[in-house]
Amino acid sequence: MGIQYQTDEQGNRVAVVVPLAQWEAMQAELRGEARLTSEDEADRQEAYDALSRGETLDLCRAMADW
């Protein structure tokens, strides 16, 4: 089940139903408790290794990739 929107008689969105697991993940992220996925962790490690080797980070490219 994905996110569901509730609408009024005119079709305007007035509420949203978020699956509990997704809601809890969002709350954890807001509290700074979010866990990285294995793909995110691999990306983080790759970036850390590159910086350790003295390579620089192209912020514009990183933002575009994000």
PDB file of N, CA and C in Angstrom:
ATOM      1  N   MET A   1       0.856  -1.179   0.000  1.00  0.00           N
ATOM      2  CA  MET A   1       0.000   0.000   0.000  1.00  0.00           C
ATOM      3  C   MET A   1       0.896   1.234   0.000  1.00  0.00           C
ATOM      4  N   GLY A   2       0.624   2.164  -0.883  1.00  0.00           N
ATOM      5  CA  GLY A   2       1.384   3.398  -0.938  1.00  0.00           C
ATOM      6  C   GLY A   2       0.653   4.526  -0.240  1.00  0.00           C
ATOM      7  N   ILE A   3       1.164   5.702  -0.416  1.00  0.00           N
ATOM      8  CA  ILE A   3       0.525   6.888   0.155  1.00  0.00           C
ATOM      9  C   ILE A   3      -0.822   7.082  -0.519  1.00  0.00           C
ATOM     10  N   GLN A   4      -1.837   7.413   0.285  1.00  0.00           N
ATOM     11  CA  GLN A   4      -3.185   7.653  -0.233  1.00  0.00           C
ATOM     12  C   GLN A   4      -3.617   9.060   0.178  1.00  0.00           C
ATOM     13  N   TYR A   5      -4.295   9.740  -0.730  1.00  0.00           N
ATOM     14  CA  TYR A   5      -4.799  11.075  -0.445  1.00  0.00           C
ATOM     15  C   TYR A   5      -6.303  11.034  -0.273  1.00  0.00           C
ATOM     16  N   GLN A   6      -6.790  11.802   0.688  1.00  0.00           N
ATOM     17  CA  GLN A   6      -8.227  11.958   0.865  1.00  0.00           C
ATOM     18  C   GLN A   6      -8.596  13.332   0.330  1.00  0.00           C
ATOM     19  N   THR A   7      -9.700  13.386  -0.373  1.00  0.00           N
ATOM     20  CA  THR A   7     -10.117  14.635  -1.001  1.00  0.00           C
ATOM     21  C   THR A   7     -11.498  15.056  -0.508  1.00  0.00           C
ATOM     22  N   ASP A   8     -11.760  16.354  -0.667  1.00  0.00           N
ATOM     23  CA  ASP A   8     -13.092  16.854  -0.331  1.00  0.00           C
ATOM     24  C   ASP A   8     -14.010  16.722  -1.546  1.00  0.00           C
ATOM     25  N   GLU A   9     -15.204  17.269  -1.446  1.00  0.00           N
ATOM     26  CA  GLU A   9     -16.187  17.138  -2.514  1.00  0.00           C
ATOM     27  C   GLU A   9     -15.727  17.787  -3.822  1.00  0.00           C
ATOM     28  N   GLN A  10     -14.845  18.792  -3.726  1.00  0.00           N
ATOM     29  CA  GLN A  10     -14.348  19.475  -4.911  1.00  0.00           C
ATOM     30  C   GLN A  10     -13.100  18.815  -5.487  1.00  0.00           C
ATOM     31  N   GLY A  11     -12.625  17.756  -4.844  1.00  0.00           N
ATOM     32  CA  GLY A  11     -11.439  17.056  -5.324  1.00  0.00           C
ATOM     33  C   GLY A  11     -10.129  17.610  -4.780  1.00  0.00           C
ATOM     34  N   ASN A  12     -10.208  18.537  -3.829  1.00  0.00           N
ATOM     35  CA  ASN A  12      -8.995  19.094  -3.215  1.00  0.00           C
ATOM     36  C   ASN A  12      -8.447  18.119  -2.175  1.00  0.00           C
ATOM     37  N   ARG A  13      -7.155  17.929  -2.183  1.00  0.00           N
ATOM     38  CA  ARG A  13      -6.541  17.051  -1.183  1.00  0.00           C
ATOM     39  C   ARG A  13      -6.650  17.703   0.195  1.00  0.00           C
ATOM     40  N   VAL A  14      -7.151  16.943   1.148  1.00  0.00           N
ATOM     41  CA  VAL A  14      -7.332  17.477   2.497  1.00  0.00           C
ATOM     42  C   VAL A  14      -6.609  16.650   3.554  1.00  0.00           C
ATOM     43  N   ALA A  15      -6.186  15.451   3.211  1.00  0.00           N
ATOM     44  CA  ALA A  15      -5.506  14.583   4.171  1.00  0.00           C
ATOM     45  C   ALA A  15      -4.695  13.551   3.404  1.00  0.00           C
ATOM     46  N   VAL A  16      -3.776  12.916   4.136  1.00  0.00           N
ATOM     47  CA  VAL A  16      -2.933  11.893   3.530  1.00  0.00           C
ATOM     48  C   VAL A  16      -2.819  10.719   4.498  1.00  0.00           C
ATOM     49  N   VAL A  17      -2.806   9.519   3.931  1.00  0.00           N
ATOM     50  CA  VAL A  17      -2.599   8.297   4.708  1.00  0.00           C
ATOM     51  C   VAL A  17      -1.249   7.735   4.271  1.00  0.00           C
ATOM     52  N   VAL A  18      -0.337   7.613   5.240  1.00  0.00           N
ATOM     53  CA  VAL A  18       1.016   7.132   4.974  1.00  0.00           C
ATOM     54  C   VAL A  18       1.178   5.773   5.637  1.00  0.00           C
ATOM     55  N   PRO A  19       1.692   4.764   4.926  1.00  0.00           N
ATOM     56  CA  PRO A  19       1.925   3.466   5.557  1.00  0.00           C
ATOM     57  C   PRO A  19       2.809   3.634   6.802  1.00  0.00           C
ATOM     58  N   LEU A  20       2.502   2.880   7.834  1.00  0.00           N
ATOM     59  CA  LEU A  20       3.170   3.027   9.119  1.00  0.00           C
ATOM     60  C   LEU A  20       4.686   2.895   9.017  1.00  0.00           C
ATOM     61  N   ALA A  21       5.180   1.921   8.278  1.00  0.00           N
ATOM     62  CA  ALA A  21       6.633   1.738   8.162  1.00  0.00           C
ATOM     63  C   ALA A  21       7.284   2.967   7.539  1.00  0.00           C
ATOM     64  N   GLN A  22       6.631   3.538   6.540  1.00  0.00           N
ATOM     65  CA  GLN A  22       7.168   4.740   5.892  1.00  0.00           C
ATOM     66  C   GLN A  22       7.125   5.920   6.857  1.00  0.00           C
ATOM     67  N   TRP A  23       6.041   6.048   7.612  1.00  0.00           N
ATOM     68  CA  TRP A  23       5.908   7.125   8.598  1.00  0.00           C
ATOM     69  C   TRP A  23       7.006   7.020   9.660  1.00  0.00           C
ATOM     70  N   GLU A  24       7.240   5.811  10.155  1.00  0.00           N
ATOM     71  CA  GLU A  24       8.272   5.622  11.179  1.00  0.00           C
ATOM     72  C   GLU A  24       9.657   5.942  10.625  1.00  0.00           C
ATOM     73  N   ALA A  25       9.915   5.585   9.381  1.00  0.00           N
ATOM     74  CA  ALA A  25      11.199   5.914   8.752  1.00  0.00           C
ATOM     75  C   ALA A  25      11.365   7.424   8.616  1.00  0.00           C
ATOM     76  N   MET A  26      10.292   8.118   8.246  1.00  0.00           N
ATOM     77  CA  MET A  26      10.344   9.577   8.127  1.00  0.00           C
ATOM     78  C   MET A  26      10.603  10.209   9.492  1.00  0.00           C
ATOM     79  N   GLN A  27       9.954   9.706  10.528  1.00  0.00           N
ATOM     80  CA  GLN A  27      10.143  10.238  11.866  1.00  0.00           C
ATOM     81  C   GLN A  27      11.584  10.009  12.343  1.00  0.00           C
ATOM     82  N   ALA A  28      12.130   8.828  12.079  1.00  0.00           N
ATOM     83  CA  ALA A  28      13.506   8.522  12.462  1.00  0.00           C
ATOM     84  C   ALA A  28      14.474   9.458  11.753  1.00  0.00           C
ATOM     85  N   GLU A  29      14.199   9.747  10.488  1.00  0.00           N
ATOM     86  CA  GLU A  29      15.068  10.652   9.737  1.00  0.00           C
ATOM     87  C   GLU A  29      15.019  12.056  10.338  1.00  0.00           C
ATOM     88  N   LEU A  30      13.850  12.511  10.686  1.00  0.00           N
ATOM     89  CA  LEU A  30      13.715  13.838  11.285  1.00  0.00           C
ATOM     90  C   LEU A  30      14.413  13.923  12.640  1.00  0.00           C
ATOM     91  N   ARG A  31      14.426  12.822  13.384  1.00  0.00           N
ATOM     92  CA  ARG A  31      15.103  12.803  14.691  1.00  0.00           C
ATOM     93  C   ARG A  31      16.596  12.547  14.544  1.00  0.00           C
ATOM     94  N   GLY A  32      17.057  12.334  13.329  1.00  0.00           N
ATOM     95  CA  GLY A  32      18.475  12.057  13.110  1.00  0.00           C
ATOM     96  C   GLY A  32      18.855  10.627  13.406  1.00  0.00           C
ATOM     97  N   GLU A  33      17.882   9.742  13.425  1.00  0.00           N
ATOM     98  CA  GLU A  33      18.130   8.337  13.742  1.00  0.00           C
ATOM     99  C   GLU A  33      18.041   7.435  12.514  1.00  0.00           C
ATOM    100  N   ALA A  34      17.911   8.036  11.343  1.00  0.00           N
ATOM    101  CA  ALA A  34      17.721   7.237  10.128  1.00  0.00           C
ATOM    102  C   ALA A  34      18.943   6.376   9.858  1.00  0.00           C
ATOM    103  N   ARG A  35      18.703   5.207   9.331  1.00  0.00           N
ATOM    104  CA  ARG A  35      19.775   4.290   8.973  1.00  0.00           C
ATOM    105  C   ARG A  35      19.977   4.341   7.466  1.00  0.00           C
ATOM    106  N   LEU A  36      21.232   4.252   7.060  1.00  0.00           N
ATOM    107  CA  LEU A  36      21.544   4.243   5.642  1.00  0.00           C
ATOM    108  C   LEU A  36      21.209   2.891   5.040  1.00  0.00           C
ATOM    109  N   THR A  37      20.740   2.914   3.800  1.00  0.00           N
ATOM    110  CA  THR A  37      20.566   1.663   3.081  1.00  0.00           C
ATOM    111  C   THR A  37      21.962   1.156   2.721  1.00  0.00           C
ATOM    112  N   SER A  38      22.059  -0.081   2.306  1.00  0.00           N
ATOM    113  CA  SER A  38      23.368  -0.622   1.932  1.00  0.00           C
ATOM    114  C   SER A  38      23.948   0.148   0.743  1.00  0.00           C
ATOM    115  N   GLU A  39      23.094   0.590  -0.171  1.00  0.00           N
ATOM    116  CA  GLU A  39      23.566   1.383  -1.317  1.00  0.00           C
ATOM    117  C   GLU A  39      24.081   2.751  -0.853  1.00  0.00           C
ATOM    118  N   ASP A  40      23.341   3.396   0.066  1.00  0.00           N
ATOM    119  CA  ASP A  40      23.788   4.690   0.600  1.00  0.00           C
ATOM    120  C   ASP A  40      25.101   4.534   1.367  1.00  0.00           C
ATOM    121  N   GLU A  41      25.219   3.451   2.121  1.00  0.00           N
ATOM    122  CA  GLU A  41      26.440   3.210   2.887  1.00  0.00           C
ATOM    123  C   GLU A  41      27.623   3.004   1.946  1.00  0.00           C
ATOM    124  N   ALA A  42      27.409   2.283   0.853  1.00  0.00           N
ATOM    125  CA  ALA A  42      28.480   2.080  -0.132  1.00  0.00           C
ATOM    126  C   ALA A  42      28.887   3.406  -0.762  1.00  0.00           C
ATOM    127  N   ASP A  43      27.907   4.257  -1.081  1.00  0.00           N
ATOM    128  CA  ASP A  43      28.208   5.581  -1.639  1.00  0.00           C
ATOM    129  C   ASP A  43      28.978   6.431  -0.638  1.00  0.00           C
ATOM    130  N   ARG A  44      28.576   6.373   0.628  1.00  0.00           N
ATOM    131  CA  ARG A  44      29.250   7.142   1.673  1.00  0.00           C
ATOM    132  C   ARG A  44      30.691   6.677   1.812  1.00  0.00           C
ATOM    133  N   GLN A  45      30.896   5.366   1.801  1.00  0.00           N
ATOM    134  CA  GLN A  45      32.243   4.817   1.943  1.00  0.00           C
ATOM    135  C   GLN A  45      33.109   5.200   0.752  1.00  0.00           C
ATOM    136  N   GLU A  46      32.535   5.153  -0.446  1.00  0.00           N
ATOM    137  CA  GLU A  46      33.272   5.532  -1.653  1.00  0.00           C
ATOM    138  C   GLU A  46      33.709   6.994  -1.580  1.00  0.00           C
ATOM    139  N   ALA A  47      32.806   7.863  -1.146  1.00  0.00           N
ATOM    140  CA  ALA A  47      33.136   9.291  -1.027  1.00  0.00           C
ATOM    141  C   ALA A  47      34.197   9.508   0.045  1.00  0.00           C
ATOM    142  N   TYR A  48      34.071   8.828   1.169  1.00  0.00           N
ATOM    143  CA  TYR A  48      35.050   8.950   2.248  1.00  0.00           C
ATOM    144  C   TYR A  48      36.428   8.490   1.781  1.00  0.00           C
ATOM    145  N   ASP A  49      36.474   7.372   1.068  1.00  0.00           N
ATOM    146  CA  ASP A  49      37.747   6.856   0.553  1.00  0.00           C
ATOM    147  C   ASP A  49      38.385   7.844  -0.420  1.00  0.00           C
ATOM    148  N   ALA A  50      37.562   8.429  -1.292  1.00  0.00           N
ATOM    149  CA  ALA A  50      38.074   9.403  -2.262  1.00  0.00           C
ATOM    150  C   ALA A  50      38.654  10.619  -1.535  1.00  0.00           C
ATOM    151  N   LEU A  51      37.949  11.105  -0.526  1.00  0.00           N
ATOM    152  CA  LEU A  51      38.450  12.253   0.236  1.00  0.00           C
ATOM    153  C   LEU A  51      39.729  11.887   0.987  1.00  0.00           C
ATOM    154  N   SER A  52      39.816  10.660   1.475  1.00  0.00           N
ATOM    155  CA  SER A  52      41.018  10.200   2.182  1.00  0.00           C
ATOM    156  C   SER A  52      42.234  10.166   1.261  1.00  0.00           C
ATOM    157  N   ARG A  53      41.979   9.907  -0.037  1.00  0.00           N
ATOM    158  CA  ARG A  53      43.058   9.897  -1.018  1.00  0.00           C
ATOM    159  C   ARG A  53      43.406  11.311  -1.491  1.00  0.00           C
ATOM    160  N   GLY A  54      42.721  12.308  -0.979  1.00  0.00           N
ATOM    161  CA  GLY A  54      42.993  13.690  -1.360  1.00  0.00           C
ATOM    162  C   GLY A  54      42.194  14.172  -2.552  1.00  0.00           C
ATOM    163  N   GLU A  55      41.268  13.358  -3.020  1.00  0.00           N
ATOM    164  CA  GLU A  55      40.432  13.773  -4.139  1.00  0.00           C
ATOM    165  C   GLU A  55      39.418  14.801  -3.641  1.00  0.00           C
ATOM    166  N   THR A  56      39.036  15.697  -4.529  1.00  0.00           N
ATOM    167  CA  THR A  56      38.061  16.710  -4.156  1.00  0.00           C
ATOM    168  C   THR A  56      36.672  16.297  -4.600  1.00  0.00           C
ATOM    169  N   LEU A  57      35.690  16.896  -4.001  1.00  0.00           N
ATOM    170  CA  LEU A  57      34.301  16.610  -4.310  1.00  0.00           C
ATOM    171  C   LEU A  57      33.740  17.746  -5.155  1.00  0.00           C
ATOM    172  N   ASP A  58      33.176  17.412  -6.302  1.00  0.00           N
ATOM    173  CA  ASP A  58      32.500  18.395  -7.152  1.00  0.00           C
ATOM    174  C   ASP A  58      31.087  18.527  -6.619  1.00  0.00           C
ATOM    175  N   LEU A  59      30.833  19.604  -5.889  1.00  0.00           N
ATOM    176  CA  LEU A  59      29.540  19.776  -5.232  1.00  0.00           C
ATOM    177  C   LEU A  59      28.395  19.856  -6.243  1.00  0.00           C
ATOM    178  N   CYS A  60      28.611  20.522  -7.355  1.00  0.00           N
ATOM    179  CA  CYS A  60      27.553  20.621  -8.373  1.00  0.00           C
ATOM    180  C   CYS A  60      27.196  19.245  -8.911  1.00  0.00           C
ATOM    181  N   ARG A  61      28.201  18.411  -9.161  1.00  0.00           N
ATOM    182  CA  ARG A  61      27.941  17.050  -9.657  1.00  0.00           C
ATOM    183  C   ARG A  61      27.245  16.220  -8.585  1.00  0.00           C
ATOM    184  N   ALA A  62      27.694  16.366  -7.347  1.00  0.00           N
ATOM    185  CA  ALA A  62      27.088  15.604  -6.264  1.00  0.00           C
ATOM    186  C   ALA A  62      25.620  15.968  -6.095  1.00  0.00           C
ATOM    187  N   MET A  63      25.301  17.245  -6.185  1.00  0.00           N
ATOM    188  CA  MET A  63      23.913  17.678  -6.047  1.00  0.00           C
ATOM    189  C   MET A  63      23.085  17.187  -7.231  1.00  0.00           C
ATOM    190  N   ALA A  64      23.666  17.189  -8.425  1.00  0.00           N
ATOM    191  CA  ALA A  64      22.941  16.715  -9.599  1.00  0.00           C
ATOM    192  C   ALA A  64      22.676  15.205  -9.496  1.00  0.00           C
ATOM    193  N   ASP A  65      23.645  14.461  -8.967  1.00  0.00           N
ATOM    194  CA  ASP A  65      23.498  13.009  -8.803  1.00  0.00           C
ATOM    195  C   ASP A  65      22.505  12.682  -7.699  1.00  0.00           C
ATOM    196  N   TRP A  66      22.394  13.560  -6.730  1.00  0.00           N
ATOM    197  CA  TRP A  66      21.536  13.300  -5.574  1.00  0.00           C
ATOM    198  C   TRP A  66      20.117  13.405  -5.989  1.00  0.00           C
TER     199      TRP A  66
END
